[in-house]
Amino acid sequence: MIEDPNAWLSFLTKLWEHNPNSHERLKPRDTPESWSELPLDLVISVFKRLSFANFRRAKSVCTSWHSSSRQCVPKNQTHWLILFPEDNNSDNNSCTLFNLEEEDKLYRTKDLGLEFAKSFCMETYGSWLLMCNGMHNLYIVNLFTHERIDLPPVEAQRGVTKMERTLDDDVFRITSHNGKEYKGIRLRSPVLWIDEKTREYVVSWELRGLCVVYSRKGDTSWNQIPETSSCCDIVYRDSKLYFLSLFGQFRIFDFSGESPQQTFQCGVIVERFRLGIQLRQRSNSLSIVATKLVVTVTGEVLKVEKLWRPRSETWSFRVFKVYSSGFLKKHDRIYSLGDESMLLDQGITVLANDTDGFNKNSVYFSVSHGMDVHDIFLFNLETQTTELLHKFDCSSVQFSRARWFLPSFRLT
């Protein structure tokens, strides 16, 4: 029985890096000829117990270990912080990574190029980043493999809303379905999903409050979804796009066919900032700062209100059921997630147990204070208490932007 697999792996990898042929000296009569010949079940048993960082180290030891790693996922999947380089620093085009499990370590990625340094990260999905450069060109890039997928030009729109790029290249002219013209582009509520094996992907965002657009693998333009204006939040999971407007229109679109089909719609109360001011006056300075959609493991849809009490400087949440596959669709408030954890930034829940690193019946969420301090919190729905998991101060590091994310194989 391996009691400390991370220590065991550290010994093996350091030994192998120092002398790849060291097995010739240490090998008893009945041992394998090399590290690559270790029993498959032994290697997989160790891999399943590794943290994300050690898992990636183990994959690089040899071809056999890399192949074995595909048959398992590591334990204790925790959030990482990615620190993006300053866009005016041409000498630094790599990112720095911080892992909650290893508070004393920072990792540096390879040089990702000048365009990456000057691009803005709109959304993440696992180790994939949705990036937007200074010319508003969108692309997807894998943080670890550097694989890149270029997306169609944002002005390539299929639908009643028209867009054209002016001679200035960074200014857009948008004409809505009723003929009203706008200058400038706003890419809001971005969504990214990608299949690690097939590289099928869905990217979606809201175009200046007028409509939601999407693009999938093989598309050469952005397809507009009718009646999706004034977006409050969007979530994509299991071939379905979930849409909530600021005016309380909730819709579900099925993306499993050639074109998305609306399969459900209803009204949902969305507390807007005007109502939030009234709540601050009545309930101990209670302020609703955000309303999010979250899709559970079983496909239920939750409306989550993120609350802030300035007087006590505490965060809290109210959770309501918006949709379930059964006949009962009352928008009741719920007080427990059972054995699931909510990842608010990703808009999903995951099963929580003793080996995956997440606390059940809890909400994980991040908060940024300006450009320097980035916090990640845990809110327990049962006790209604909030715990600060980590506060990362970027002021001492030469990086201008940061975002919390989850490594790839947690979401696939």
Protein backbone atom coordinates (compact mmCIF):
# COMPACT_ATOMS: atom_id res chain seq x y z
CA MET A 1 0.00 0.00 0.00
CA ILE A 2 1.42 3.39 -1.03
CA GLU A 3 0.99 5.81 1.88
CA ASP A 4 2.45 8.94 0.28
CA PRO A 5 2.22 8.68 -3.54
CA ASN A 6 3.37 12.26 -4.10
CA ALA A 7 6.59 11.61 -2.18
CA TRP A 8 7.06 8.32 -4.02
CA LEU A 9 6.60 10.01 -7.37
CA SER A 10 8.98 12.81 -6.42
CA PHE A 11 11.68 10.25 -5.62
CA LEU A 12 11.16 8.37 -8.90
CA THR A 13 11.07 11.43 -11.14
CA LYS A 14 14.12 13.05 -9.52
CA LEU A 15 16.03 9.79 -9.76
CA TRP A 16 15.03 9.33 -13.38
CA GLU A 17 15.93 12.93 -14.30
CA HIS A 18 19.33 12.57 -12.63
CA ASN A 19 20.11 9.25 -14.30
CA PRO A 20 17.56 7.68 -16.67
CA ASN A 21 19.54 4.42 -16.53
CA SER A 22 19.62 4.26 -12.74
CA HIS A 23 17.37 1.20 -12.79
CA GLU A 24 20.36 -0.82 -14.02
CA ARG A 25 22.11 -0.24 -10.67
CA LEU A 26 19.07 -0.51 -8.39
CA LYS A 27 17.26 -3.34 -10.13
CA PRO A 28 16.73 -6.58 -8.15
CA ARG A 29 16.36 -9.77 -10.10
CA ASP A 30 12.54 -9.59 -10.35
CA THR A 31 12.10 -5.87 -11.07
CA PRO A 32 11.13 -4.43 -14.49
CA GLU A 33 13.84 -3.47 -16.95
CA SER A 34 12.97 0.25 -16.78
CA TRP A 35 10.51 2.75 -15.34
CA SER A 36 8.35 2.30 -18.44
CA GLU A 37 7.87 -1.38 -17.57
CA LEU A 38 6.36 -0.81 -14.13
CA PRO A 39 3.01 -2.67 -13.80
CA LEU A 40 0.15 -0.68 -15.29
CA ASP A 41 -2.10 -1.10 -12.26
CA LEU A 42 0.67 0.23 -10.00
CA VAL A 43 1.24 3.33 -12.11
CA ILE A 44 -2.51 4.03 -12.36
CA SER A 45 -2.90 3.51 -8.61
CA VAL A 46 -0.29 6.20 -7.98
CA PHE A 47 -1.65 8.57 -10.64
CA LYS A 48 -5.12 8.51 -9.06
CA ARG A 49 -3.67 9.87 -5.83
CA LEU A 50 -1.61 12.69 -7.31
CA SER A 51 -2.23 16.40 -7.26
CA PHE A 52 -2.58 18.22 -10.57
CA ALA A 53 1.02 19.47 -10.58
CA ASN A 54 2.53 16.05 -9.81
CA PHE A 55 0.15 14.40 -12.27
CA ARG A 56 1.54 16.54 -15.07
CA ARG A 57 5.11 15.82 -13.95
CA ALA A 58 4.46 12.08 -13.99
CA LYS A 59 3.02 12.20 -17.51
CA SER A 60 6.33 13.49 -18.85
CA VAL A 61 8.53 10.72 -17.40
CA CYS A 62 8.15 8.35 -20.35
CA THR A 63 5.77 7.31 -23.12
CA SER A 64 4.36 4.44 -21.07
CA TRP A 65 3.50 6.72 -18.12
CA HIS A 66 1.94 9.26 -20.47
CA SER A 67 -0.28 6.53 -21.90
CA SER A 68 -1.21 5.30 -18.42
CA SER A 69 -2.23 8.81 -17.36
CA ARG A 70 -5.08 8.78 -19.88
CA GLN A 71 -6.83 6.04 -17.93
CA CYS A 72 -7.31 8.04 -14.73
CA VAL A 73 -7.69 11.50 -13.24
CA PRO A 74 -5.85 12.80 -10.19
CA LYS A 75 -7.48 13.53 -6.86
CA ASN A 76 -7.92 16.88 -5.13
CA GLN A 77 -8.84 19.08 -8.07
CA THR A 78 -8.45 22.62 -6.76
CA HIS A 79 -8.56 26.09 -8.23
CA TRP A 80 -5.47 27.65 -9.77
CA LEU A 81 -4.76 31.33 -10.33
CA ILE A 82 -3.33 32.41 -13.67
CA LEU A 83 -1.44 35.70 -13.68
CA PHE A 84 -1.27 37.29 -17.12
CA PRO A 85 1.72 39.37 -18.24
CA GLU A 86 1.46 43.13 -18.52
CA ASP A 87 0.56 44.03 -22.09
CA ASN A 88 3.27 46.69 -22.24
CA ASN A 89 6.04 44.28 -21.27
CA SER A 90 7.41 42.86 -24.52
CA ASP A 91 10.08 40.91 -22.63
CA ASN A 92 7.57 38.81 -20.68
CA ASN A 93 5.07 36.81 -22.74
CA SER A 94 4.55 33.96 -20.29
CA CYS A 95 2.10 33.49 -17.42
CA THR A 96 2.63 32.62 -13.79
CA LEU A 97 0.46 29.96 -12.16
CA PHE A 98 -0.41 29.59 -8.49
CA ASN A 99 -1.93 26.41 -7.01
CA LEU A 100 -3.95 26.38 -3.79
CA GLU A 101 -2.35 23.04 -2.83
CA GLU A 102 1.17 24.46 -3.03
CA GLU A 103 1.02 27.89 -1.44
CA ASP A 104 4.77 28.37 -1.52
CA LYS A 105 5.23 27.72 -5.24
CA LEU A 106 4.71 29.66 -8.45
CA TYR A 107 4.93 28.06 -11.90
CA ARG A 108 5.94 29.85 -15.09
CA THR A 109 4.52 28.85 -18.47
CA LYS A 110 6.51 28.90 -21.67
CA ASP A 111 6.54 32.01 -23.85
CA LEU A 112 3.04 32.26 -25.36
CA GLY A 113 3.87 35.03 -27.80
CA LEU A 114 3.41 38.78 -27.96
CA GLU A 115 -0.21 38.54 -29.14
CA PHE A 116 -1.13 36.52 -26.07
CA ALA A 117 0.49 39.12 -23.80
CA LYS A 118 -1.59 41.83 -25.45
CA SER A 119 -4.83 39.81 -25.40
CA PHE A 120 -7.54 39.71 -22.76
CA CYS A 121 -8.88 36.48 -21.27
CA MET A 122 -12.68 36.46 -21.58
CA GLU A 123 -13.43 32.99 -20.19
CA THR A 124 -11.85 29.67 -19.24
CA TYR A 125 -12.83 26.03 -19.56
CA GLY A 126 -10.39 23.73 -17.84
CA SER A 127 -6.97 24.59 -19.24
CA TRP A 128 -8.46 26.32 -22.30
CA LEU A 129 -8.68 30.11 -22.48
CA LEU A 130 -10.96 32.23 -24.65
CA MET A 131 -8.82 35.21 -25.66
CA CYS A 132 -9.60 38.53 -27.34
CA ASN A 133 -6.78 40.62 -28.82
CA GLY A 134 -6.61 44.36 -29.38
CA MET A 135 -8.31 44.05 -32.78
CA HIS A 136 -11.23 42.13 -31.21
CA ASN A 137 -10.18 38.89 -32.88
CA LEU A 138 -11.10 35.85 -30.78
CA TYR A 139 -9.19 32.61 -30.35
CA ILE A 140 -8.98 29.63 -28.00
CA VAL A 141 -5.63 28.49 -26.60
CA ASN A 142 -4.61 25.64 -24.32
CA LEU A 143 -2.49 26.93 -21.46
CA PHE A 144 -0.30 23.81 -21.25
CA THR A 145 -0.13 22.42 -24.81
CA HIS A 146 -0.24 25.86 -26.54
CA GLU A 147 -2.71 24.46 -29.08
CA ARG A 148 -4.61 27.35 -30.67
CA ILE A 149 -7.99 27.55 -32.44
CA ASP A 150 -8.81 30.77 -34.29
CA LEU A 151 -12.48 31.78 -34.27
CA PRO A 152 -14.42 33.58 -37.03
CA PRO A 153 -14.12 37.39 -37.27
CA VAL A 154 -16.59 39.03 -34.90
CA GLU A 155 -18.11 41.01 -37.79
CA ALA A 156 -19.01 37.78 -39.63
CA GLN A 157 -22.61 37.66 -38.33
CA ARG A 158 -25.49 35.50 -39.54
CA GLY A 159 -28.79 37.06 -38.48
CA VAL A 160 -30.84 40.25 -38.48
CA THR A 161 -28.25 42.29 -36.57
CA LYS A 162 -25.52 43.55 -38.90
CA MET A 163 -21.95 44.48 -38.05
CA GLU A 164 -19.15 45.98 -40.07
CA ARG A 165 -15.57 46.89 -39.21
CA THR A 166 -14.67 50.46 -40.14
CA LEU A 167 -11.44 51.62 -41.74
CA ASP A 168 -10.02 52.24 -38.26
CA ASP A 169 -10.12 48.44 -37.72
CA ASP A 170 -10.89 48.80 -34.03
CA VAL A 171 -14.26 50.56 -34.45
CA PHE A 172 -17.42 48.68 -35.38
CA ARG A 173 -20.76 49.87 -36.72
CA ILE A 174 -23.70 47.74 -35.58
CA THR A 175 -27.22 47.95 -37.01
CA SER A 176 -30.01 46.27 -35.05
CA HIS A 177 -33.08 44.58 -36.52
CA ASN A 178 -35.10 47.83 -36.18
CA GLY A 179 -32.48 49.91 -37.99
CA LYS A 180 -30.94 51.58 -34.95
CA GLU A 181 -27.19 52.10 -35.29
CA TYR A 182 -24.49 51.71 -32.63
CA LYS A 183 -20.78 52.41 -32.64
CA GLY A 184 -18.39 50.18 -30.76
CA ILE A 185 -18.58 46.54 -29.74
CA ARG A 186 -19.29 44.96 -26.36
CA LEU A 187 -18.62 41.27 -25.87
CA ARG A 188 -20.54 40.29 -22.73
CA SER A 189 -21.41 37.06 -20.90
CA PRO A 190 -18.78 34.90 -22.70
CA VAL A 191 -19.19 31.11 -22.67
CA LEU A 192 -16.58 28.50 -23.61
CA TRP A 193 -16.92 24.74 -23.86
CA ILE A 194 -14.55 22.31 -25.58
CA ASP A 195 -14.24 18.53 -25.82
CA GLU A 196 -10.69 17.47 -24.91
CA LYS A 197 -10.72 14.49 -27.29
CA THR A 198 -12.59 15.66 -30.41
CA ARG A 199 -11.85 19.39 -30.09
CA GLU A 200 -15.52 20.10 -30.72
CA TYR A 201 -16.25 23.46 -29.16
CA VAL A 202 -18.99 26.01 -28.51
CA VAL A 203 -18.22 29.69 -27.95
CA SER A 204 -21.01 32.13 -27.17
CA TRP A 205 -21.33 35.77 -26.12
CA GLU A 206 -23.81 38.64 -26.12
CA LEU A 207 -23.49 41.28 -28.83
CA ARG A 208 -24.04 44.74 -27.30
CA GLY A 209 -27.22 43.69 -25.48
CA LEU A 210 -28.95 42.95 -28.80
CA CYS A 211 -28.63 39.18 -29.10
CA VAL A 212 -26.59 36.13 -28.13
CA VAL A 213 -24.30 34.71 -30.81
CA TYR A 214 -22.47 31.40 -31.00
CA SER A 215 -19.91 29.56 -33.10
CA ARG A 216 -19.09 25.85 -33.24
CA LYS A 217 -16.31 23.82 -34.81
CA GLY A 218 -16.48 24.21 -38.58
CA ASP A 219 -18.43 27.49 -38.54
CA THR A 220 -17.08 30.43 -40.51
CA SER A 221 -19.37 33.00 -38.89
CA TRP A 222 -21.24 33.80 -35.69
CA ASN A 223 -24.84 32.62 -35.59
CA GLN A 224 -27.37 34.86 -33.86
CA ILE A 225 -30.04 33.39 -31.56
CA PRO A 226 -33.34 35.32 -31.84
CA GLU A 227 -35.06 36.81 -28.77
CA THR A 228 -31.96 36.74 -26.56
CA SER A 229 -31.42 40.43 -25.83
CA SER A 230 -30.50 42.03 -22.50
CA CYS A 231 -28.56 39.02 -21.25
CA CYS A 232 -28.10 38.56 -17.52
CA ASP A 233 -26.22 35.24 -17.66
CA ILE A 234 -25.51 32.26 -19.95
CA VAL A 235 -24.37 28.73 -19.10
CA TYR A 236 -23.53 25.86 -21.49
CA ARG A 237 -23.56 22.25 -20.32
CA ASP A 238 -24.36 18.84 -21.87
CA SER A 239 -25.24 20.25 -25.32
CA LYS A 240 -27.66 22.81 -23.87
CA LEU A 241 -27.39 26.57 -23.60
CA TYR A 242 -29.23 28.19 -20.69
CA PHE A 243 -30.14 31.86 -21.08
CA LEU A 244 -31.49 34.38 -18.55
CA SER A 245 -32.31 37.98 -19.45
CA LEU A 246 -32.26 41.01 -17.18
CA PHE A 247 -36.03 41.14 -17.56
CA GLY A 248 -36.55 37.58 -16.32
CA GLN A 249 -36.88 35.57 -19.53
CA PHE A 250 -35.39 32.10 -19.03
CA ARG A 251 -34.83 29.89 -22.08
CA ILE A 252 -33.15 26.56 -22.84
CA PHE A 253 -31.68 25.84 -26.29
CA ASP A 254 -30.72 22.31 -27.37
CA PHE A 255 -27.45 22.29 -29.35
CA SER A 256 -27.39 18.57 -30.13
CA GLY A 257 -28.69 19.08 -33.69
CA GLU A 258 -27.50 21.07 -36.68
CA SER A 259 -29.02 24.25 -35.27
CA PRO A 260 -30.10 25.05 -31.70
CA GLN A 261 -33.76 24.53 -30.85
CA GLN A 262 -35.58 26.19 -27.96
CA THR A 263 -36.98 23.48 -25.70
CA PHE A 264 -38.20 25.44 -22.68
CA GLN A 265 -39.02 28.95 -21.53
CA CYS A 266 -40.51 30.58 -18.45
CA GLY A 267 -40.40 33.75 -16.40
CA VAL A 268 -37.89 34.21 -13.58
CA ILE A 269 -37.67 37.09 -11.12
CA VAL A 270 -34.36 38.92 -11.53
CA GLU A 271 -33.55 41.41 -8.80
CA ARG A 272 -31.94 44.35 -10.55
CA PHE A 273 -29.79 47.05 -9.01
CA ARG A 274 -32.79 49.36 -8.55
CA LEU A 275 -34.43 46.77 -6.31
CA GLY A 276 -31.09 46.07 -4.67
CA ILE A 277 -31.09 49.65 -3.34
CA GLN A 278 -34.46 49.01 -1.67
CA LEU A 279 -33.11 45.84 -0.09
CA ARG A 280 -30.14 47.76 1.31
CA GLN A 281 -32.54 50.06 3.15
CA ARG A 282 -34.66 47.28 4.63
CA SER A 283 -32.34 44.44 5.47
CA ASN A 284 -29.15 45.48 7.19
CA SER A 285 -27.57 46.96 4.06
CA LEU A 286 -28.19 43.80 2.03
CA SER A 287 -27.14 44.24 -1.60
CA ILE A 288 -27.66 41.82 -4.50
CA VAL A 289 -24.52 42.29 -6.57
CA ALA A 290 -25.03 39.53 -9.15
CA THR A 291 -27.56 36.96 -10.37
CA LYS A 292 -26.10 33.79 -11.89
CA LEU A 293 -27.37 30.59 -13.50
CA VAL A 294 -25.94 27.28 -12.30
CA VAL A 295 -26.64 23.86 -13.83
CA THR A 296 -26.38 20.89 -11.47
CA VAL A 297 -24.99 17.42 -12.11
CA THR A 298 -28.54 16.10 -12.66
CA GLY A 299 -29.50 18.89 -15.06
CA GLU A 300 -31.50 21.07 -12.70
CA VAL A 301 -31.10 24.82 -13.19
CA LEU A 302 -30.58 27.13 -10.24
CA LYS A 303 -30.80 30.90 -9.93
CA VAL A 304 -28.10 32.09 -7.52
CA GLU A 305 -28.15 35.54 -5.97
CA LYS A 306 -24.80 36.78 -4.70
CA LEU A 307 -25.29 39.03 -1.68
CA TRP A 308 -23.01 41.53 0.05
CA ARG A 309 -23.48 43.12 3.47
CA PRO A 310 -21.20 46.20 3.65
CA ARG A 311 -21.84 46.70 7.35
CA SER A 312 -20.39 43.28 8.29
CA GLU A 313 -18.32 42.92 5.08
CA THR A 314 -19.59 39.39 4.43
CA TRP A 315 -20.76 37.46 1.39
CA SER A 316 -23.78 35.17 1.27
CA PHE A 317 -26.02 33.47 -1.29
CA ARG A 318 -29.66 32.70 -1.98
CA VAL A 319 -30.38 29.75 -4.25
CA PHE A 320 -33.65 29.08 -6.11
CA LYS A 321 -34.69 26.21 -8.33
CA VAL A 322 -35.57 27.49 -11.81
CA TYR A 323 -36.00 24.30 -13.80
CA SER A 324 -36.07 20.53 -13.30
CA SER A 325 -36.82 17.71 -15.73
CA GLY A 326 -39.91 16.64 -13.73
CA PHE A 327 -43.34 18.23 -13.78
CA LEU A 328 -42.71 20.40 -10.72
CA LYS A 329 -41.16 23.67 -11.84
CA LYS A 330 -41.85 25.95 -8.89
CA HIS A 331 -39.16 28.53 -8.26
CA ASP A 332 -38.68 27.46 -4.66
CA ARG A 333 -35.72 28.48 -2.59
CA ILE A 334 -33.40 25.60 -1.73
CA TYR A 335 -31.11 25.37 1.27
CA SER A 336 -28.94 22.37 0.43
CA LEU A 337 -26.96 21.05 -2.53
CA GLY A 338 -26.68 17.59 -0.97
CA ASP A 339 -23.44 15.93 -1.98
CA GLU A 340 -22.64 18.52 -4.63
CA SER A 341 -20.39 21.59 -4.67
CA MET A 342 -21.23 24.71 -6.63
CA LEU A 343 -18.49 26.27 -8.76
CA LEU A 344 -20.09 29.67 -9.25
CA ASP A 345 -17.56 31.06 -11.74
CA GLN A 346 -18.05 28.02 -13.99
CA GLY A 347 -21.86 27.94 -13.57
CA ILE A 348 -21.97 24.25 -12.62
CA THR A 349 -22.05 21.85 -9.69
CA VAL A 350 -19.81 18.79 -9.24
CA LEU A 351 -20.05 15.76 -7.01
CA ALA A 352 -18.05 16.19 -3.81
CA ASN A 353 -16.40 13.35 -1.91
CA ASP A 354 -13.32 12.62 0.17
CA THR A 355 -10.95 12.38 -2.81
CA ASP A 356 -11.86 15.19 -5.19
CA GLY A 357 -10.94 18.11 -2.95
CA PHE A 358 -14.33 19.88 -2.89
CA ASN A 359 -16.58 20.40 0.15
CA LYS A 360 -20.18 19.31 -0.34
CA ASN A 361 -23.12 21.69 0.05
CA SER A 362 -20.80 24.64 -0.52
CA VAL A 363 -20.28 27.45 -3.02
CA TYR A 364 -16.81 28.24 -4.39
CA PHE A 365 -16.49 31.79 -5.74
CA SER A 366 -13.81 34.37 -6.45
CA VAL A 367 -13.61 38.11 -5.82
CA SER A 368 -11.15 40.63 -7.25
CA HIS A 369 -10.24 43.91 -5.60
CA GLY A 370 -8.84 46.13 -8.32
CA MET A 371 -5.87 44.72 -10.24
CA ASP A 372 -3.80 43.43 -7.35
CA VAL A 373 -5.72 41.29 -4.84
CA HIS A 374 -7.63 38.18 -5.93
CA ASP A 375 -9.53 36.20 -3.31
CA ILE A 376 -11.23 32.82 -3.46
CA PHE A 377 -13.92 31.93 -0.92
CA LEU A 378 -15.99 28.98 0.28
CA PHE A 379 -19.59 29.57 1.42
CA ASN A 380 -21.27 26.78 3.41
CA LEU A 381 -25.01 26.64 2.71
CA GLU A 382 -25.77 24.73 5.91
CA THR A 383 -23.99 27.06 8.33
CA GLN A 384 -24.43 30.21 6.17
CA THR A 385 -20.79 31.09 6.81
CA THR A 386 -18.04 32.21 4.45
CA GLU A 387 -14.41 31.09 4.61
CA LEU A 388 -11.53 32.79 2.83
CA LEU A 389 -9.53 30.03 1.14
CA HIS A 390 -6.78 32.29 -0.14
CA LYS A 391 -5.95 35.93 -0.74
CA PHE A 392 -3.38 36.45 -3.48
CA ASP A 393 -1.71 39.86 -3.66
CA CYS A 394 -0.27 40.45 -7.14
CA SER A 395 1.27 43.83 -6.31
CA SER A 396 4.72 42.30 -5.81
CA VAL A 397 4.60 40.41 -9.12
CA GLN A 398 4.99 41.99 -12.56
CA PHE A 399 1.56 40.94 -13.80
CA SER A 400 -1.46 43.08 -14.50
CA ARG A 401 -4.41 40.65 -14.71
CA ALA A 402 -5.42 37.43 -13.04
CA ARG A 403 -8.18 34.80 -13.11
CA TRP A 404 -9.03 31.70 -11.10
CA PHE A 405 -9.58 28.53 -13.16
CA LEU A 406 -9.70 24.74 -12.91
CA PRO A 407 -7.31 22.34 -14.67
CA SER A 408 -8.74 20.55 -17.69
CA PHE A 409 -9.66 17.07 -16.63
CA ARG A 410 -11.97 18.21 -13.85
CA LEU A 411 -14.58 19.33 -16.39
CA THR A 412 -14.29 16.63 -19.07
